[in-house]
Amino acid sequence: MGKNSGIEFNFNRVLITGTFPAHKLLHLAKKYRKSSEMEEALFTAHFTEGRNVADFDTLTALAVSVGIDKEEAGQVLNSAEFDDEISRDIQEARDHGVSGVPFFILDGKYAVSGAQPAEAFREALIQTYDETAIAGEEGPDNSCSTDGCSI
């Protein structure tokens, strides 16, 4: 399926590693609005190139490749920065019943697990949007101000 979508997977090269340090870089990248780029770099390194995404030198090089300062990346990897956020992410995933990847949570209440056809995602996104748009509509009883919304 990946090849048909233009994604190269080399599972024979994939190294099984812990991903906690990689998640630290994802949180750092988010700070600079580079999380998509960092995620793509990590996936390519792991699934295509067979690189060790738990190795700090590898991770630092990946961070630099997406425009993150080398020293800051190293500092984050060698500290407890973002540890609490990652632990909360893990707990939230457990609370939602996540037991594998890929797993997508939409609007905090709808889950799409595993590799699903595009139509499954389309339907889930439309349902989520429709419910959010209805809840967010303004009217005589539904109004928003700078202090929040009354729905």
N, C-alpha and C. Protein backbone atom coordinates (compact mmCIF):
# COMPACT_ATOMS: atom_id res chain seq x y z
N MET A 1 0.83 -1.20 0.00
CA MET A 1 0.00 0.00 0.00
C MET A 1 0.87 1.25 0.00
N GLY A 2 1.97 1.21 0.75
CA GLY A 2 2.85 2.36 0.80
C GLY A 2 3.44 2.68 -0.56
N LYS A 3 3.90 1.64 -1.25
CA LYS A 3 4.51 1.84 -2.57
C LYS A 3 3.51 2.47 -3.53
N ASN A 4 2.24 2.03 -3.46
CA ASN A 4 1.20 2.59 -4.32
C ASN A 4 0.92 4.06 -4.01
N SER A 5 1.28 4.48 -2.80
CA SER A 5 1.08 5.87 -2.39
C SER A 5 2.36 6.69 -2.49
N GLY A 6 3.42 6.09 -3.03
CA GLY A 6 4.67 6.82 -3.18
C GLY A 6 5.52 6.84 -1.93
N ILE A 7 5.27 5.91 -1.00
CA ILE A 7 6.04 5.83 0.24
C ILE A 7 6.89 4.57 0.20
N GLU A 8 8.17 4.74 0.43
CA GLU A 8 9.09 3.59 0.41
C GLU A 8 9.29 3.06 1.82
N PHE A 9 8.94 1.80 2.03
CA PHE A 9 9.19 1.13 3.29
C PHE A 9 10.25 0.06 3.06
N ASN A 10 11.25 0.02 3.93
CA ASN A 10 12.28 -1.00 3.89
C ASN A 10 12.29 -1.70 5.25
N PHE A 11 11.27 -2.54 5.47
CA PHE A 11 11.11 -3.17 6.78
C PHE A 11 12.29 -4.06 7.15
N ASN A 12 13.02 -4.54 6.18
CA ASN A 12 14.20 -5.35 6.47
C ASN A 12 15.31 -4.53 7.11
N ARG A 13 15.23 -3.21 7.04
CA ARG A 13 16.26 -2.33 7.62
C ARG A 13 15.81 -1.68 8.92
N VAL A 14 14.52 -1.78 9.25
CA VAL A 14 13.97 -1.09 10.42
C VAL A 14 14.58 -1.64 11.70
N LEU A 15 15.00 -0.71 12.58
CA LEU A 15 15.53 -1.06 13.89
C LEU A 15 14.44 -0.83 14.94
N ILE A 16 14.25 -1.80 15.80
CA ILE A 16 13.28 -1.67 16.89
C ILE A 16 13.96 -0.89 18.01
N THR A 17 13.42 0.28 18.33
CA THR A 17 14.01 1.14 19.36
C THR A 17 12.89 1.80 20.15
N GLY A 18 13.28 2.39 21.27
CA GLY A 18 12.35 3.22 22.02
C GLY A 18 12.22 4.57 21.31
N THR A 19 11.04 5.15 21.36
CA THR A 19 10.81 6.40 20.63
C THR A 19 10.67 7.62 21.53
N PHE A 20 10.87 7.45 22.83
CA PHE A 20 10.72 8.58 23.74
C PHE A 20 11.60 9.77 23.33
N PRO A 21 12.90 9.56 23.03
CA PRO A 21 13.73 10.71 22.62
C PRO A 21 13.22 11.36 21.33
N ALA A 22 12.72 10.56 20.40
CA ALA A 22 12.18 11.13 19.16
C ALA A 22 10.97 12.01 19.45
N HIS A 23 10.16 11.60 20.40
CA HIS A 23 8.99 12.39 20.78
C HIS A 23 9.41 13.72 21.43
N LYS A 24 10.55 13.72 22.10
CA LYS A 24 11.05 14.98 22.66
C LYS A 24 11.33 15.97 21.53
N LEU A 25 11.94 15.46 20.45
CA LEU A 25 12.21 16.35 19.31
C LEU A 25 10.94 16.80 18.63
N LEU A 26 9.93 15.94 18.60
CA LEU A 26 8.65 16.36 18.02
C LEU A 26 8.04 17.52 18.82
N HIS A 27 8.15 17.45 20.13
CA HIS A 27 7.65 18.56 20.95
C HIS A 27 8.47 19.83 20.73
N LEU A 28 9.78 19.68 20.61
CA LEU A 28 10.63 20.84 20.32
C LEU A 28 10.26 21.42 18.95
N ALA A 29 10.09 20.56 17.97
CA ALA A 29 9.74 21.02 16.62
C ALA A 29 8.41 21.76 16.61
N LYS A 30 7.48 21.30 17.42
CA LYS A 30 6.17 21.96 17.51
C LYS A 30 6.34 23.42 17.95
N LYS A 31 7.28 23.65 18.83
CA LYS A 31 7.58 25.00 19.32
C LYS A 31 7.92 25.94 18.15
N TYR A 32 8.52 25.40 17.10
CA TYR A 32 8.94 26.19 15.94
C TYR A 32 8.05 25.95 14.71
N ARG A 33 6.91 25.32 14.95
CA ARG A 33 5.96 25.00 13.86
C ARG A 33 6.63 24.17 12.77
N LYS A 34 7.42 23.22 13.20
CA LYS A 34 8.13 22.32 12.28
C LYS A 34 7.83 20.86 12.61
N SER A 35 6.72 20.61 13.30
CA SER A 35 6.44 19.24 13.71
C SER A 35 6.17 18.32 12.52
N SER A 36 5.51 18.82 11.49
CA SER A 36 5.26 17.97 10.31
C SER A 36 6.58 17.59 9.64
N GLU A 37 7.49 18.56 9.52
CA GLU A 37 8.78 18.28 8.91
C GLU A 37 9.58 17.28 9.75
N MET A 38 9.53 17.48 11.08
CA MET A 38 10.27 16.58 11.97
C MET A 38 9.68 15.18 11.91
N GLU A 39 8.37 15.08 11.90
CA GLU A 39 7.72 13.78 11.81
C GLU A 39 8.10 13.06 10.53
N GLU A 40 8.09 13.78 9.42
CA GLU A 40 8.46 13.19 8.13
C GLU A 40 9.92 12.72 8.15
N ALA A 41 10.80 13.53 8.72
CA ALA A 41 12.22 13.16 8.81
C ALA A 41 12.40 11.90 9.65
N LEU A 42 11.67 11.80 10.76
CA LEU A 42 11.75 10.62 11.61
C LEU A 42 11.22 9.38 10.90
N PHE A 43 10.08 9.51 10.23
CA PHE A 43 9.53 8.36 9.51
C PHE A 43 10.47 7.88 8.41
N THR A 44 11.03 8.81 7.65
CA THR A 44 11.95 8.44 6.58
C THR A 44 13.19 7.76 7.15
N ALA A 45 13.74 8.34 8.21
CA ALA A 45 14.92 7.76 8.84
C ALA A 45 14.64 6.35 9.34
N HIS A 46 13.49 6.17 9.95
CA HIS A 46 13.15 4.87 10.54
C HIS A 46 12.74 3.84 9.49
N PHE A 47 11.72 4.16 8.71
CA PHE A 47 11.11 3.18 7.81
C PHE A 47 11.83 3.00 6.48
N THR A 48 12.50 4.03 6.00
CA THR A 48 13.15 3.93 4.69
C THR A 48 14.65 3.70 4.82
N GLU A 49 15.29 4.47 5.69
CA GLU A 49 16.74 4.42 5.79
C GLU A 49 17.27 3.45 6.84
N GLY A 50 16.40 2.99 7.74
CA GLY A 50 16.82 2.04 8.76
C GLY A 50 17.74 2.65 9.80
N ARG A 51 17.58 3.95 10.04
CA ARG A 51 18.43 4.63 11.03
C ARG A 51 17.86 4.44 12.44
N ASN A 52 18.71 4.57 13.43
CA ASN A 52 18.33 4.38 14.82
C ASN A 52 17.73 5.69 15.35
N VAL A 53 16.42 5.74 15.48
CA VAL A 53 15.75 6.98 15.91
C VAL A 53 15.71 7.12 17.43
N ALA A 54 16.55 6.34 18.12
CA ALA A 54 16.75 6.54 19.55
C ALA A 54 18.15 7.09 19.82
N ASP A 55 18.99 7.09 18.80
CA ASP A 55 20.37 7.56 18.91
C ASP A 55 20.40 9.09 18.89
N PHE A 56 21.01 9.68 19.90
CA PHE A 56 21.00 11.13 20.03
C PHE A 56 21.71 11.84 18.87
N ASP A 57 22.79 11.27 18.35
CA ASP A 57 23.47 11.89 17.21
C ASP A 57 22.58 11.88 15.98
N THR A 58 21.91 10.77 15.75
CA THR A 58 20.97 10.68 14.63
C THR A 58 19.85 11.69 14.79
N LEU A 59 19.28 11.74 15.99
CA LEU A 59 18.17 12.66 16.24
C LEU A 59 18.60 14.12 16.10
N THR A 60 19.77 14.44 16.59
CA THR A 60 20.26 15.81 16.46
C THR A 60 20.44 16.18 14.99
N ALA A 61 21.00 15.26 14.21
CA ALA A 61 21.17 15.52 12.77
C ALA A 61 19.81 15.71 12.09
N LEU A 62 18.82 14.92 12.47
CA LEU A 62 17.48 15.08 11.89
C LEU A 62 16.89 16.43 12.27
N ALA A 63 17.10 16.84 13.51
CA ALA A 63 16.59 18.15 13.95
C ALA A 63 17.23 19.27 13.12
N VAL A 64 18.52 19.20 12.93
CA VAL A 64 19.23 20.20 12.12
C VAL A 64 18.70 20.20 10.69
N SER A 65 18.38 19.01 10.17
CA SER A 65 17.90 18.91 8.78
C SER A 65 16.58 19.62 8.55
N VAL A 66 15.82 19.84 9.63
CA VAL A 66 14.54 20.56 9.48
C VAL A 66 14.64 22.00 10.00
N GLY A 67 15.86 22.43 10.33
CA GLY A 67 16.06 23.83 10.71
C GLY A 67 16.03 24.12 12.20
N ILE A 68 16.22 23.10 13.02
CA ILE A 68 16.27 23.29 14.47
C ILE A 68 17.72 23.37 14.90
N ASP A 69 18.02 24.28 15.79
CA ASP A 69 19.37 24.49 16.28
C ASP A 69 19.94 23.22 16.92
N LYS A 70 21.15 22.85 16.53
CA LYS A 70 21.80 21.63 17.00
C LYS A 70 21.97 21.63 18.52
N GLU A 71 22.42 22.74 19.07
CA GLU A 71 22.66 22.81 20.51
C GLU A 71 21.35 22.68 21.29
N GLU A 72 20.30 23.34 20.79
CA GLU A 72 19.01 23.26 21.48
C GLU A 72 18.46 21.84 21.42
N ALA A 73 18.60 21.19 20.28
CA ALA A 73 18.14 19.80 20.14
C ALA A 73 18.90 18.91 21.12
N GLY A 74 20.21 19.07 21.19
CA GLY A 74 21.02 18.29 22.12
C GLY A 74 20.63 18.54 23.56
N GLN A 75 20.38 19.79 23.88
CA GLN A 75 19.99 20.15 25.25
C GLN A 75 18.67 19.47 25.61
N VAL A 76 17.70 19.50 24.71
CA VAL A 76 16.40 18.87 24.97
C VAL A 76 16.57 17.36 25.14
N LEU A 77 17.36 16.74 24.28
CA LEU A 77 17.54 15.30 24.36
C LEU A 77 18.23 14.87 25.65
N ASN A 78 19.08 15.72 26.20
CA ASN A 78 19.84 15.40 27.41
C ASN A 78 19.22 15.95 28.68
N SER A 79 17.95 16.35 28.61
CA SER A 79 17.29 16.92 29.77
C SER A 79 15.92 16.27 29.96
N ALA A 80 15.23 16.73 30.97
CA ALA A 80 13.87 16.23 31.23
C ALA A 80 12.82 17.11 30.56
N GLU A 81 13.29 18.08 29.76
CA GLU A 81 12.34 18.96 29.08
C GLU A 81 11.41 18.13 28.19
N PHE A 82 10.15 18.41 28.27
CA PHE A 82 9.06 17.75 27.54
C PHE A 82 8.70 16.37 28.08
N ASP A 83 9.41 15.86 29.08
CA ASP A 83 9.09 14.54 29.62
C ASP A 83 7.65 14.48 30.15
N ASP A 84 7.24 15.51 30.88
CA ASP A 84 5.88 15.52 31.43
C ASP A 84 4.83 15.55 30.32
N GLU A 85 5.08 16.34 29.28
CA GLU A 85 4.14 16.42 28.17
C GLU A 85 4.01 15.07 27.46
N ILE A 86 5.13 14.40 27.27
CA ILE A 86 5.11 13.10 26.60
C ILE A 86 4.40 12.08 27.48
N SER A 87 4.64 12.11 28.77
CA SER A 87 3.95 11.20 29.69
C SER A 87 2.45 11.43 29.65
N ARG A 88 2.03 12.70 29.57
CA ARG A 88 0.59 13.00 29.44
C ARG A 88 0.05 12.48 28.12
N ASP A 89 0.82 12.63 27.05
CA ASP A 89 0.40 12.10 25.75
C ASP A 89 0.19 10.59 25.82
N ILE A 90 1.11 9.91 26.47
CA ILE A 90 1.02 8.45 26.60
C ILE A 90 -0.22 8.07 27.41
N GLN A 91 -0.46 8.78 28.50
CA GLN A 91 -1.63 8.48 29.33
C GLN A 91 -2.92 8.76 28.56
N GLU A 92 -2.96 9.85 27.81
CA GLU A 92 -4.14 10.17 27.01
C GLU A 92 -4.38 9.07 25.97
N ALA A 93 -3.33 8.59 25.36
CA ALA A 93 -3.48 7.50 24.38
C ALA A 93 -4.04 6.26 25.05
N ARG A 94 -3.53 5.92 26.22
CA ARG A 94 -4.06 4.76 26.96
C ARG A 94 -5.53 4.96 27.30
N ASP A 95 -5.86 6.18 27.73
CA ASP A 95 -7.25 6.48 28.09
C ASP A 95 -8.19 6.31 26.91
N HIS A 96 -7.68 6.54 25.70
CA HIS A 96 -8.48 6.39 24.48
C HIS A 96 -8.43 4.97 23.93
N GLY A 97 -7.69 4.09 24.60
CA GLY A 97 -7.62 2.71 24.16
C GLY A 97 -6.63 2.46 23.04
N VAL A 98 -5.71 3.37 22.84
CA VAL A 98 -4.72 3.20 21.78
C VAL A 98 -3.79 2.05 22.17
N SER A 99 -3.66 1.09 21.28
CA SER A 99 -2.76 -0.03 21.54
C SER A 99 -1.78 -0.23 20.40
N GLY A 100 -1.88 0.57 19.36
CA GLY A 100 -0.97 0.47 18.23
C GLY A 100 -1.08 1.70 17.36
N VAL A 101 -0.25 1.74 16.36
CA VAL A 101 -0.26 2.86 15.42
C VAL A 101 -0.44 2.32 14.02
N PRO A 102 -1.00 3.07 13.12
CA PRO A 102 -1.49 4.43 13.32
C PRO A 102 -2.81 4.45 14.07
N PHE A 103 -3.07 5.54 14.75
CA PHE A 103 -4.30 5.75 15.50
C PHE A 103 -4.58 7.23 15.50
N PHE A 104 -5.76 7.62 15.10
CA PHE A 104 -6.12 9.03 14.97
C PHE A 104 -7.31 9.33 15.86
N ILE A 105 -7.22 10.41 16.64
CA ILE A 105 -8.32 10.85 17.48
C ILE A 105 -8.79 12.20 16.94
N LEU A 106 -10.06 12.27 16.60
CA LEU A 106 -10.63 13.48 16.02
C LEU A 106 -11.51 14.17 17.05
N ASP A 107 -11.22 15.42 17.31
CA ASP A 107 -11.98 16.25 18.24
C ASP A 107 -12.08 15.62 19.62
N GLY A 108 -11.09 14.84 19.98
CA GLY A 108 -11.05 14.26 21.31
C GLY A 108 -12.07 13.17 21.58
N LYS A 109 -12.86 12.77 20.56
CA LYS A 109 -13.89 11.76 20.85
C LYS A 109 -14.07 10.69 19.79
N TYR A 110 -13.59 10.88 18.58
CA TYR A 110 -13.72 9.87 17.54
C TYR A 110 -12.36 9.28 17.23
N ALA A 111 -12.32 7.97 17.11
CA ALA A 111 -11.06 7.29 16.86
C ALA A 111 -11.12 6.53 15.55
N VAL A 112 -10.03 6.60 14.82
CA VAL A 112 -9.85 5.81 13.61
C VAL A 112 -8.53 5.06 13.82
N SER A 113 -8.62 3.73 13.91
CA SER A 113 -7.41 2.96 14.20
C SER A 113 -6.97 2.17 12.98
N GLY A 114 -5.68 1.94 12.93
CA GLY A 114 -5.11 1.16 11.85
C GLY A 114 -5.11 1.89 10.53
N ALA A 115 -4.57 1.23 9.54
CA ALA A 115 -4.53 1.80 8.20
C ALA A 115 -5.91 1.60 7.58
N GLN A 116 -6.63 2.66 7.40
CA GLN A 116 -7.99 2.62 6.88
C GLN A 116 -8.03 3.22 5.48
N PRO A 117 -9.03 2.83 4.70
CA PRO A 117 -9.18 3.46 3.39
C PRO A 117 -9.52 4.95 3.54
N ALA A 118 -9.20 5.71 2.53
CA ALA A 118 -9.44 7.15 2.56
C ALA A 118 -10.90 7.47 2.88
N GLU A 119 -11.83 6.65 2.40
CA GLU A 119 -13.25 6.89 2.64
C GLU A 119 -13.60 6.86 4.13
N ALA A 120 -12.94 5.99 4.89
CA ALA A 120 -13.19 5.93 6.33
C ALA A 120 -12.78 7.23 7.01
N PHE A 121 -11.64 7.76 6.60
CA PHE A 121 -11.19 9.04 7.15
C PHE A 121 -12.12 10.17 6.72
N ARG A 122 -12.52 10.14 5.49
CA ARG A 122 -13.43 11.18 4.97
C ARG A 122 -14.72 11.22 5.78
N GLU A 123 -15.31 10.05 6.00
CA GLU A 123 -16.56 9.98 6.76
C GLU A 123 -16.37 10.46 8.20
N ALA A 124 -15.27 10.04 8.83
CA ALA A 124 -15.01 10.47 10.21
C ALA A 124 -14.78 11.97 10.29
N LEU A 125 -14.06 12.53 9.32
CA LEU A 125 -13.81 13.97 9.31
C LEU A 125 -15.09 14.76 9.07
N ILE A 126 -15.92 14.28 8.16
CA ILE A 126 -17.18 14.97 7.89
C ILE A 126 -18.07 14.94 9.12
N GLN A 127 -18.18 13.79 9.77
CA GLN A 127 -19.01 13.70 10.98
C GLN A 127 -18.49 14.62 12.07
N THR A 128 -17.18 14.63 12.27
CA THR A 128 -16.59 15.50 13.28
C THR A 128 -16.83 16.96 12.95
N TYR A 129 -16.63 17.33 11.69
CA TYR A 129 -16.85 18.72 11.27
C TYR A 129 -18.31 19.12 11.46
N ASP A 130 -19.23 18.25 11.02
CA ASP A 130 -20.65 18.58 11.13
C ASP A 130 -21.05 18.81 12.58
N GLU A 131 -20.58 17.97 13.48
CA GLU A 131 -20.92 18.15 14.89
C GLU A 131 -20.28 19.39 15.48
N THR A 132 -19.05 19.66 15.09
CA THR A 132 -18.36 20.85 15.59
C THR A 132 -19.00 22.11 15.05
N ALA A 133 -19.36 22.12 13.77
CA ALA A 133 -19.98 23.30 13.16
C ALA A 133 -21.33 23.58 13.79
N ILE A 134 -22.10 22.55 14.07
CA ILE A 134 -23.41 22.74 14.70
C ILE A 134 -23.23 23.29 16.11
N ALA A 135 -22.28 22.71 16.86
CA ALA A 135 -22.05 23.17 18.23
C ALA A 135 -21.50 24.59 18.26
N GLY A 136 -20.79 25.00 17.23
CA GLY A 136 -20.17 26.31 17.21
C GLY A 136 -21.03 27.39 16.60
N GLU A 137 -22.23 27.05 16.10
CA GLU A 137 -23.09 28.06 15.49
C GLU A 137 -23.55 29.08 16.50
N GLU A 138 -23.57 30.31 16.07
CA GLU A 138 -24.07 31.37 16.94
C GLU A 138 -25.55 31.57 16.70
N GLY A 139 -26.24 31.91 17.70
CA GLY A 139 -27.67 32.17 17.59
C GLY A 139 -28.11 32.83 18.88
N PRO A 140 -29.43 33.00 19.07
CA PRO A 140 -29.90 33.67 20.27
C PRO A 140 -29.44 32.99 21.55
N ASP A 141 -29.39 31.65 21.55
CA ASP A 141 -28.97 30.93 22.75
C ASP A 141 -27.53 30.47 22.69
N ASN A 142 -26.93 30.63 21.54
CA ASN A 142 -25.55 30.19 21.35
C ASN A 142 -24.70 31.40 20.95
N SER A 143 -23.90 31.87 21.89
CA SER A 143 -23.10 33.05 21.56
C SER A 143 -21.69 32.90 22.12
N CYS A 144 -20.78 33.63 21.51
CA CYS A 144 -19.39 33.60 21.96
C CYS A 144 -18.93 35.03 22.17
N SER A 145 -18.10 35.20 23.15
CA SER A 145 -17.47 36.49 23.42
C SER A 145 -16.02 36.23 23.73
N THR A 146 -15.29 37.27 24.10
CA THR A 146 -13.87 37.09 24.44
C THR A 146 -13.71 36.27 25.71
N ASP A 147 -14.78 36.10 26.48
CA ASP A 147 -14.72 35.30 27.70
C ASP A 147 -15.06 33.84 27.49
N GLY A 148 -15.48 33.47 26.29
CA GLY A 148 -15.81 32.08 26.00
C GLY A 148 -17.14 31.98 25.29
N CYS A 149 -17.64 30.76 25.19
CA CYS A 149 -18.89 30.50 24.48
C CYS A 149 -19.96 29.99 25.44
N SER A 150 -21.18 30.39 25.16
CA SER A 150 -22.34 29.91 25.89
C SER A 150 -23.22 29.17 24.91
N ILE A 151 -23.19 27.86 25.02
CA ILE A 151 -23.95 27.04 24.09
C ILE A 151 -24.94 26.19 24.84
